[in-house]
Amino acid sequence: MKWFETWFDSKYYHILYKNRDYLEATRFIDKILKKIKPKKKSFFLDLACGLGRHSIYLNKKGFYVDGMDISKKSLEKAKLNENKKLKFYLKDMRKLDVENKYNFVLNLFTSFGYFQNNEDNKKIFINVNRSLKKNGFFIIDFLNAEKIIRKLKTYEVKKINNILFEIEKKHDNKFVYKKISITDKKNKYTFTEKVRLINKQKFMSYLNDLDIDLVDTFGDYNLNNYNVESERLILLFKKINN
């Protein structure tokens, strides 16, 4: 199994990241909505939705939302929030084949670049292109590879619920790696996150032969302008043809 298939279904993944800032996430969504101005009956696809926090919030705002993820355990929790306008599906982004067409596709919180083969990243853009309605938007929230390369914090320790997490980070010219060593009482586990270092120029290469254009670039969740010191790389694409 690939690292993301085991790690995202592990209880330790959810423990380590349990303190993700929900308020920050909702504020980010609000700022995105103000930017893209969706109509009331707009359809959203939350691609790699995890526990569905963004999907649920968008649904509470009145929109139709499909959330998709590869983690069965995350979706079990997300599905508890389903209703007529909010659905969750077990799907791999690389094999996305949807009946619905969407006004907006979101891929948030560095939920991209997990694959060994770079062609898989291109496949995702192809799939999104097929899934978007004309004039629809695709939003990617990704790490800032430029800053990671220069200022990577190589080691940290966290203790959560009496569980010890030792985190070691490194990078090569293609990926950033996060080795997570876990001590839970007498039990020890090790997982490794692996995310491709994709800069803005590389993302642009995925647009070749597609009907998508980059229309804006932001550097944080307040939608400030992007620069090499930005915390995030947030890209706003638009579908230009049928």
Protein backbone atom coordinates (compact mmCIF):
# COMPACT_ATOMS: atom_id res chain seq x y z
CA MET A 1 0.00 0.00 0.00
CA LYS A 2 1.08 3.59 -0.63
CA TRP A 3 2.00 5.76 2.35
CA PHE A 4 -1.16 7.84 2.09
CA GLU A 5 -3.39 4.76 2.08
CA THR A 6 -2.08 3.59 5.45
CA TRP A 7 -1.29 6.90 7.17
CA PHE A 8 -4.58 8.67 6.45
CA ASP A 9 -6.52 5.68 7.80
CA SER A 10 -4.42 5.54 10.97
CA LYS A 11 -5.89 6.89 14.21
CA TYR A 12 -2.54 8.58 14.84
CA TYR A 13 -2.95 10.78 11.77
CA HIS A 14 -6.11 12.25 13.26
CA ILE A 15 -4.51 12.61 16.70
CA LEU A 16 -1.44 14.41 15.35
CA TYR A 17 -3.50 16.86 13.32
CA LYS A 18 -6.51 17.18 15.62
CA ASN A 19 -5.72 20.79 16.48
CA ARG A 20 -5.99 22.08 12.94
CA ASP A 21 -7.56 25.50 13.17
CA TYR A 22 -11.24 25.13 12.21
CA LEU A 23 -11.81 28.87 12.57
CA GLU A 24 -8.92 29.58 10.19
CA ALA A 25 -10.39 27.07 7.71
CA THR A 26 -13.83 28.70 7.77
CA ARG A 27 -12.37 32.18 7.42
CA PHE A 28 -10.36 30.97 4.43
CA ILE A 29 -13.50 29.56 2.82
CA ASP A 30 -15.32 32.84 3.47
CA LYS A 31 -12.55 34.80 1.76
CA ILE A 32 -12.55 32.40 -1.20
CA LEU A 33 -16.33 32.71 -1.53
CA LYS A 34 -16.06 36.49 -1.49
CA LYS A 35 -13.48 36.22 -4.27
CA ILE A 36 -15.29 33.77 -6.56
CA LYS A 37 -18.88 34.90 -5.79
CA PRO A 38 -20.75 31.59 -6.24
CA LYS A 39 -24.47 31.57 -7.00
CA LYS A 40 -26.81 29.99 -4.45
CA LYS A 41 -27.29 26.78 -6.43
CA SER A 42 -23.60 26.26 -7.18
CA PHE A 43 -22.10 22.76 -7.03
CA PHE A 44 -18.78 22.24 -5.24
CA LEU A 45 -16.39 19.29 -5.34
CA ASP A 46 -14.08 19.03 -2.32
CA LEU A 47 -11.32 16.82 -3.71
CA ALA A 48 -9.39 14.94 -1.00
CA CYS A 49 -11.87 16.16 1.60
CA GLY A 50 -10.59 14.15 4.58
CA LEU A 51 -13.04 14.49 7.47
CA GLY A 52 -14.99 16.97 5.37
CA ARG A 53 -14.60 20.14 7.42
CA HIS A 54 -14.56 22.38 4.34
CA SER A 55 -17.39 20.42 2.69
CA ILE A 56 -19.57 20.67 5.78
CA TYR A 57 -19.00 24.40 6.12
CA LEU A 58 -19.77 25.03 2.45
CA ASN A 59 -22.96 23.01 2.81
CA LYS A 60 -23.96 25.06 5.86
CA LYS A 61 -23.57 28.12 3.64
CA GLY A 62 -26.27 26.61 1.41
CA PHE A 63 -24.28 25.06 -1.44
CA TYR A 64 -24.42 21.61 -3.01
CA VAL A 65 -21.22 19.76 -2.13
CA ASP A 66 -19.64 16.42 -3.01
CA GLY A 67 -16.66 15.41 -0.91
CA MET A 68 -14.24 12.78 -2.20
CA ASP A 69 -11.35 11.06 -0.46
CA ILE A 70 -9.29 7.86 -0.47
CA SER A 71 -9.52 7.31 3.31
CA LYS A 72 -12.37 5.01 4.36
CA LYS A 73 -12.09 5.94 8.03
CA SER A 74 -12.17 9.67 7.35
CA LEU A 75 -15.24 9.23 5.17
CA GLU A 76 -17.01 7.16 7.83
CA LYS A 77 -16.95 10.26 10.04
CA ALA A 78 -17.69 12.68 7.22
CA LYS A 79 -20.74 10.69 6.12
CA LEU A 80 -22.40 11.34 9.48
CA ASN A 81 -23.04 14.85 8.16
CA GLU A 82 -24.61 13.87 4.83
CA ASN A 83 -27.89 15.37 3.66
CA LYS A 84 -29.67 16.02 0.37
CA LYS A 85 -27.10 18.64 -0.63
CA LEU A 86 -23.99 17.06 0.91
CA LYS A 87 -22.57 13.68 -0.16
CA PHE A 88 -19.26 11.90 0.38
CA TYR A 89 -17.61 9.33 -1.90
CA LEU A 90 -14.63 7.00 -1.71
CA LYS A 91 -12.56 7.86 -4.78
CA ASP A 92 -8.94 8.19 -5.90
CA MET A 93 -8.22 11.59 -7.49
CA ARG A 94 -6.26 9.89 -10.27
CA LYS A 95 -9.27 7.79 -11.27
CA LEU A 96 -11.92 10.43 -10.89
CA ASP A 97 -14.93 9.67 -13.06
CA VAL A 98 -17.92 11.74 -12.00
CA GLU A 99 -21.41 12.12 -13.38
CA ASN A 100 -21.87 15.59 -11.94
CA LYS A 101 -20.30 18.72 -13.34
CA TYR A 102 -19.11 21.30 -10.85
CA ASN A 103 -18.94 25.08 -10.69
CA PHE A 104 -16.06 24.84 -8.23
CA VAL A 105 -13.44 22.22 -7.42
CA LEU A 106 -11.35 22.63 -4.25
CA ASN A 107 -8.16 20.83 -3.29
CA LEU A 108 -7.10 22.19 0.09
CA PHE A 109 -4.52 21.77 2.85
CA THR A 110 -1.72 20.24 0.72
CA SER A 111 -3.83 17.37 -0.61
CA PHE A 112 -1.82 17.07 -3.81
CA GLY A 113 1.56 15.76 -4.96
CA TYR A 114 1.48 12.46 -3.07
CA PHE A 115 2.40 10.25 -6.00
CA GLN A 116 5.73 8.84 -7.11
CA ASN A 117 4.89 9.32 -10.78
CA ASN A 118 4.58 12.98 -11.69
CA GLU A 119 2.22 12.03 -14.53
CA ASP A 120 -0.38 11.22 -11.87
CA ASN A 121 -0.47 14.91 -10.95
CA LYS A 122 -1.21 15.76 -14.57
CA LYS A 123 -4.02 13.16 -14.53
CA ILE A 124 -5.68 15.00 -11.67
CA PHE A 125 -5.69 18.23 -13.67
CA ILE A 126 -7.17 16.35 -16.64
CA ASN A 127 -9.89 14.92 -14.39
CA VAL A 128 -10.67 18.32 -12.88
CA ASN A 129 -10.85 19.84 -16.36
CA ARG A 130 -13.46 17.25 -17.32
CA SER A 131 -15.40 17.82 -14.11
CA LEU A 132 -15.66 21.61 -14.31
CA LYS A 133 -18.47 23.51 -15.93
CA LYS A 134 -17.60 26.37 -18.26
CA ASN A 135 -16.30 29.36 -16.27
CA GLY A 136 -15.88 27.08 -13.27
CA PHE A 137 -13.02 27.56 -10.80
CA PHE A 138 -10.37 25.17 -9.49
CA ILE A 139 -8.60 26.17 -6.27
CA ILE A 140 -5.44 24.49 -4.97
CA ASP A 141 -4.04 25.24 -1.52
CA PHE A 142 -0.50 23.86 -1.43
CA LEU A 143 2.72 24.23 0.53
CA ASN A 144 5.21 26.86 -0.64
CA ALA A 145 7.97 24.65 -2.04
CA GLU A 146 10.30 27.63 -2.45
CA LYS A 147 10.22 28.34 1.28
CA ILE A 148 10.30 24.66 2.33
CA ILE A 149 13.61 24.18 0.53
CA ARG A 150 15.21 27.12 2.31
CA LYS A 151 13.70 26.95 5.81
CA LEU A 152 12.74 23.37 6.56
CA LYS A 153 12.46 22.63 10.28
CA THR A 154 14.23 19.28 10.42
CA TYR A 155 13.13 17.97 13.84
CA GLU A 156 10.36 18.48 16.35
CA VAL A 157 8.69 16.54 19.16
CA LYS A 158 5.02 16.62 20.13
CA LYS A 159 3.20 14.89 22.96
CA ILE A 160 -0.53 14.53 22.44
CA ASN A 161 -2.83 12.40 24.62
CA ASN A 162 0.29 10.89 26.23
CA ILE A 163 1.43 9.74 22.78
CA LEU A 164 4.90 10.82 21.68
CA PHE A 165 5.39 11.99 18.10
CA GLU A 166 8.96 12.51 16.88
CA ILE A 167 8.97 14.23 13.53
CA GLU A 168 11.98 14.36 11.21
CA LYS A 169 11.85 16.30 7.95
CA LYS A 170 14.15 16.33 4.94
CA HIS A 171 13.94 16.98 1.22
CA ASP A 172 15.68 16.09 -2.00
CA ASN A 173 15.22 17.71 -5.39
CA LYS A 174 11.78 16.13 -5.87
CA PHE A 175 10.04 15.52 -2.54
CA VAL A 176 9.80 16.71 1.05
CA TYR A 177 9.66 13.83 3.54
CA LYS A 178 8.21 13.79 7.04
CA LYS A 179 9.14 10.71 9.09
CA ILE A 180 6.79 10.34 12.04
CA SER A 181 7.94 8.01 14.83
CA ILE A 182 5.18 7.25 17.33
CA THR A 183 5.47 5.86 20.84
CA ASP A 184 2.13 4.89 22.37
CA LYS A 185 2.82 3.18 25.71
CA LYS A 186 4.85 0.11 24.71
CA ASN A 187 3.85 0.28 21.06
CA LYS A 188 5.97 1.94 18.39
CA TYR A 189 4.98 2.86 14.85
CA THR A 190 6.58 4.73 11.99
CA PHE A 191 4.91 6.51 9.08
CA THR A 192 6.38 8.72 6.37
CA GLU A 193 4.59 11.51 4.57
CA LYS A 194 5.97 12.27 1.13
CA VAL A 195 4.89 15.30 -0.89
CA ARG A 196 6.30 16.41 -4.22
CA LEU A 197 7.95 19.82 -4.25
CA ILE A 198 5.82 21.60 -6.83
CA ASN A 199 6.35 25.30 -7.47
CA LYS A 200 4.12 27.65 -9.40
CA GLN A 201 5.96 27.05 -12.67
CA LYS A 202 5.51 23.29 -12.33
CA PHE A 203 1.81 23.67 -11.66
CA MET A 204 1.54 25.70 -14.84
CA SER A 205 3.03 22.81 -16.81
CA TYR A 206 0.02 20.67 -15.84
CA LEU A 207 -2.23 23.04 -17.81
CA ASN A 208 -0.83 22.06 -21.21
CA ASP A 209 -3.65 21.08 -23.62
CA LEU A 210 -6.32 21.85 -21.00
CA ASP A 211 -9.06 24.47 -20.96
CA ILE A 212 -7.88 25.97 -17.67
CA ASP A 213 -6.07 29.25 -17.05
CA LEU A 214 -4.41 30.58 -13.90
CA VAL A 215 -6.23 33.76 -12.88
CA ASP A 216 -4.78 34.53 -9.43
CA THR A 217 -2.11 33.49 -6.91
CA PHE A 218 -2.16 33.99 -3.14
CA GLY A 219 0.37 33.38 -0.39
CA ASP A 220 -1.76 32.75 2.70
CA TYR A 221 -5.28 32.15 3.99
CA ASN A 222 -5.95 35.89 4.05
CA LEU A 223 -5.41 35.90 0.28
CA ASN A 224 -2.41 38.20 0.41
CA ASN A 225 -0.14 38.25 -2.64
CA TYR A 226 2.25 35.34 -3.05
CA ASN A 227 6.02 35.72 -2.71
CA VAL A 228 8.92 33.38 -1.95
CA GLU A 229 8.45 33.94 1.80
CA SER A 230 4.73 33.13 1.78
CA GLU A 231 3.41 30.36 4.01
CA ARG A 232 1.26 28.87 1.25
CA LEU A 233 0.91 28.67 -2.53
CA ILE A 234 -2.79 29.11 -3.33
CA LEU A 235 -3.69 28.97 -7.02
CA LEU A 236 -7.00 30.01 -8.54
CA PHE A 237 -7.69 28.52 -11.98
CA LYS A 238 -10.64 29.10 -14.29
CA LYS A 239 -12.15 26.91 -17.00
CA ILE A 240 -12.36 28.92 -20.19
CA ASN A 241 -14.15 26.60 -22.66
CA ASN A 242 -16.76 23.83 -22.71
